[in-house]
């Protein structure tokens, strides 16, 4: 009887320690909720790996235009608290009203995909230093942000060669295939 209790306890302890090693994957979808700020409850969830604060519909038909107001958010500034989401791997902020990125974005050390498209007031050259410090960034989408044609080469050279920087509408759609 004592041996079986000890065996059960060892199994429970082993299972618990293995569960602590499991990666939690929390996806938060707040597309098109007409948000002006990220709800504070989001910053309290340390297991978020995917956060979508973009539009529920992205339209790139000529002429380039933002989706209808009822399908978008209107986030103009991200809180410095965004840096608390260190498990974040994907952050979608397309079709907002971003003007700048907080310094704490550099703390998103696990971020792999960042979509900043259709934020026409976001001067990407002013944000380049922060973005280039994201060590795991694989995909950066910056269609319809503030940049010139001559900026494009500078932007691409700021990242590792394996980082895919999407700056045109055809590239944006190609990424969805």
Foldseek 3Di string as FASTA:
>chain_A
DVVVVVVVVVVVVVVVVVVVVDQAEDAAEQFQVQAQADPPVVLVDQRYAHYAQAFPDADVPPPHDADPSSRHYAHAEYDLSVLSNLNHAEYEHARYQHQEYDLSVLSNQNHAYYEHEHNANHQVVVHLVSVLSRNRHAEYEYENYDDDPVCVVVSCVSHDVRRHYHHDPVSVVVVVD
